């Protein structure tokens, strides 16, 4: 069953699609999001990018889109596989759910918006407080830092987990 944010994200993507359907680079996506906001001034939309993915953020969800599938840093499909794996290992509550969608021939992925911590510190201990969880994270992830986890519904979750050990 789809959550409310996933339903809203699907509707939003249909509105956004004409602006991004030909985008290839991070700059293309940023420009397309800017054009969208100009035409929809009541919408809050921010576009960020990493090495291989675009993250289009709204007030309560994120749409992730791969733009470089030939990277060692993982792609959205890798995040879906990892999310399914961590759930099968009993650690799903520590990871933001990622859901794949397709509109026309365009694949995109939706996650809830997570309030980023953006630093190491005592908060990292909250994620790794359980010894079994710490061992699991150390064995499976090599990119766990404050920019990749944050607060959601009162606890810390990891939201960028495509790059694995």
Protein backbone atom coordinates (compact mmCIF):
# COMPACT_ATOMS: atom_id res chain seq x y z
CA UNK A 1 0.00 0.00 0.00
CA UNK A 2 1.31 3.42 -0.95
CA UNK A 3 1.75 6.07 1.71
CA UNK A 4 0.34 9.57 1.35
CA UNK A 5 3.73 11.05 0.46
CA UNK A 6 4.20 8.44 -2.28
CA UNK A 7 0.82 9.31 -3.81
CA UNK A 8 1.63 13.04 -3.65
CA UNK A 9 5.06 12.35 -5.17
CA UNK A 10 3.51 10.50 -8.10
CA UNK A 11 1.13 13.39 -8.80
CA UNK A 12 3.99 15.88 -8.47
CA UNK A 13 6.20 13.87 -10.81
CA UNK A 14 3.53 14.02 -13.53
CA UNK A 15 3.60 17.83 -13.21
CA UNK A 16 7.41 17.91 -13.17
CA UNK A 17 7.94 15.43 -16.00
CA UNK A 18 7.59 17.89 -18.93
CA UNK A 19 10.39 19.97 -17.41
CA UNK A 20 12.85 17.12 -16.77
CA UNK A 21 12.11 14.52 -19.43
CA UNK A 22 15.15 15.48 -21.55
CA UNK A 23 17.57 16.26 -18.70
CA UNK A 24 20.91 14.49 -18.75
CA UNK A 25 23.19 16.44 -16.39
CA UNK A 26 22.84 17.90 -12.90
CA UNK A 27 22.82 21.39 -14.42
CA UNK A 28 19.92 20.37 -16.72
CA UNK A 29 17.91 19.16 -13.72
CA UNK A 30 18.67 22.29 -11.70
CA UNK A 31 17.56 24.50 -14.58
CA UNK A 32 14.41 22.41 -15.12
CA UNK A 33 13.50 22.67 -11.42
CA UNK A 34 14.04 26.43 -11.53
CA UNK A 35 11.70 26.68 -14.54
CA UNK A 36 9.14 24.54 -12.72
CA UNK A 37 9.21 26.84 -9.68
CA UNK A 38 8.83 29.92 -11.89
CA UNK A 39 5.68 28.38 -13.37
CA UNK A 40 4.45 27.04 -10.02
CA UNK A 41 5.48 29.73 -7.50
CA UNK A 42 3.56 28.15 -4.61
CA UNK A 43 5.66 24.97 -4.79
CA UNK A 44 8.81 24.53 -2.74
CA UNK A 45 11.24 22.49 -4.81
CA UNK A 46 14.99 22.20 -4.37
CA UNK A 47 17.32 20.22 -6.59
CA UNK A 48 20.54 18.68 -5.30
CA UNK A 49 22.95 16.26 -6.88
CA UNK A 50 25.65 13.86 -5.90
CA UNK A 51 28.06 11.88 -7.98
CA UNK A 52 25.42 9.76 -9.68
CA UNK A 53 21.94 10.87 -8.59
CA UNK A 54 19.66 13.87 -8.54
CA UNK A 55 17.51 14.55 -5.47
CA UNK A 56 14.48 16.75 -6.04
CA UNK A 57 13.25 17.74 -2.60
CA UNK A 58 9.82 19.02 -1.65
CA UNK A 59 8.46 19.76 1.81
CA UNK A 60 7.93 16.10 2.74
CA UNK A 61 9.40 13.76 0.11
CA UNK A 62 12.37 13.38 -2.19
CA UNK A 63 12.40 12.16 -5.77
CA UNK A 64 15.70 10.53 -6.71
CA UNK A 65 16.75 10.10 -10.32
CA UNK A 66 19.90 8.45 -11.64
CA UNK A 67 21.88 10.41 -14.19
CA UNK A 68 25.09 8.32 -14.15
CA UNK A 69 24.63 4.58 -14.04
CA UNK A 70 28.32 3.89 -14.69
CA UNK A 71 29.56 4.80 -11.27
CA UNK A 72 31.14 2.90 -8.42
CA UNK A 73 29.05 4.94 -5.98
CA UNK A 74 25.79 3.15 -6.61
CA UNK A 75 22.45 4.07 -8.10
CA UNK A 76 18.83 4.11 -6.99
CA UNK A 77 18.31 0.48 -8.01
CA UNK A 78 21.14 -0.39 -5.59
CA UNK A 79 19.31 1.49 -2.83
CA UNK A 80 16.13 -0.51 -3.49
CA UNK A 81 18.09 -3.76 -3.30
CA UNK A 82 19.86 -2.63 -0.12
CA UNK A 83 16.58 -1.50 1.47
CA UNK A 84 15.05 -4.91 0.77
CA UNK A 85 18.16 -6.58 2.21
CA UNK A 86 18.28 -4.52 5.42
CA UNK A 87 14.57 -5.17 5.96
CA UNK A 88 15.15 -8.92 5.56
CA UNK A 89 17.91 -8.65 8.20
CA UNK A 90 15.61 -6.85 10.66
CA UNK A 91 17.18 -3.38 10.31
CA UNK A 92 14.54 -1.70 8.12
CA UNK A 93 13.54 0.81 10.78
CA UNK A 94 17.01 2.38 10.53
CA UNK A 95 16.65 3.14 6.81
CA UNK A 96 14.40 5.53 4.91
CA UNK A 97 12.11 3.55 2.64
CA UNK A 98 12.82 3.93 -1.07
CA UNK A 99 10.10 3.08 -3.58
CA UNK A 100 10.63 2.75 -7.34
CA UNK A 101 8.12 4.22 -9.77
CA UNK A 102 7.90 4.57 -13.51
CA UNK A 103 6.15 7.25 -15.54
CA UNK A 104 6.18 6.70 -19.30
CA UNK A 105 9.68 5.28 -19.79
CA UNK A 106 11.17 7.31 -16.93
CA UNK A 107 12.27 5.55 -13.75
CA UNK A 108 12.35 7.52 -10.52
CA UNK A 109 12.46 6.70 -6.83
CA UNK A 110 10.66 8.24 -3.87
CA UNK A 111 11.73 8.59 -0.24
CA UNK A 112 10.34 10.56 2.67
CA UNK A 113 12.20 13.81 3.32
CA UNK A 114 14.66 13.33 6.16
CA UNK A 115 15.95 16.21 8.26
CA UNK A 116 19.69 15.97 7.67
CA UNK A 117 22.04 15.98 10.67
CA UNK A 118 25.03 16.94 8.50
CA UNK A 119 27.71 16.20 11.08
CA UNK A 120 29.28 13.37 13.05
CA UNK A 121 28.87 13.45 16.79
CA UNK A 122 26.66 12.13 19.54
CA UNK A 123 23.84 11.64 17.03
CA UNK A 124 25.89 9.03 15.18
CA UNK A 125 25.99 7.00 18.39
CA UNK A 126 22.19 6.91 18.30
CA UNK A 127 22.33 5.13 14.93
CA UNK A 128 25.05 2.74 16.03
CA UNK A 129 24.07 2.29 19.68
CA UNK A 130 23.20 -1.38 19.18
CA UNK A 131 26.34 -3.51 18.81
CA UNK A 132 24.68 -5.82 16.27
CA UNK A 133 23.59 -2.81 14.22
CA UNK A 134 27.08 -1.28 14.43
CA UNK A 135 28.62 -4.52 13.18
CA UNK A 136 26.04 -4.75 10.38
CA UNK A 137 26.68 -1.15 9.28
CA UNK A 138 30.45 -1.57 9.38
CA UNK A 139 30.23 -4.72 7.28
CA UNK A 140 27.83 -3.32 4.69
CA UNK A 141 28.43 0.44 4.34
CA UNK A 142 31.44 2.54 3.57
CA UNK A 143 29.77 5.94 3.18
CA UNK A 144 27.99 6.48 6.49
CA UNK A 145 28.45 10.11 7.49
CA UNK A 146 26.28 12.91 8.82
CA UNK A 147 25.21 13.93 5.31
CA UNK A 148 23.64 10.52 4.74
CA UNK A 149 21.42 10.10 7.79
CA UNK A 150 18.99 12.23 9.73
CA UNK A 151 15.81 12.46 11.77
CA UNK A 152 12.48 10.98 10.68
CA UNK A 153 9.48 10.45 12.95
CA UNK A 154 11.54 10.78 16.10
CA UNK A 155 14.45 8.51 15.29
CA UNK A 156 17.55 8.53 13.10
CA UNK A 157 17.46 6.82 9.71
CA UNK A 158 19.96 6.44 6.89
CA UNK A 159 18.72 7.92 3.62
CA UNK A 160 21.68 7.55 1.26
CA UNK A 161 22.80 3.95 1.19
CA UNK A 162 23.59 3.05 -2.42
CA UNK A 163 27.35 2.94 -1.86
CA UNK A 164 28.09 -0.25 0.02
CA UNK A 165 31.23 -1.87 1.34
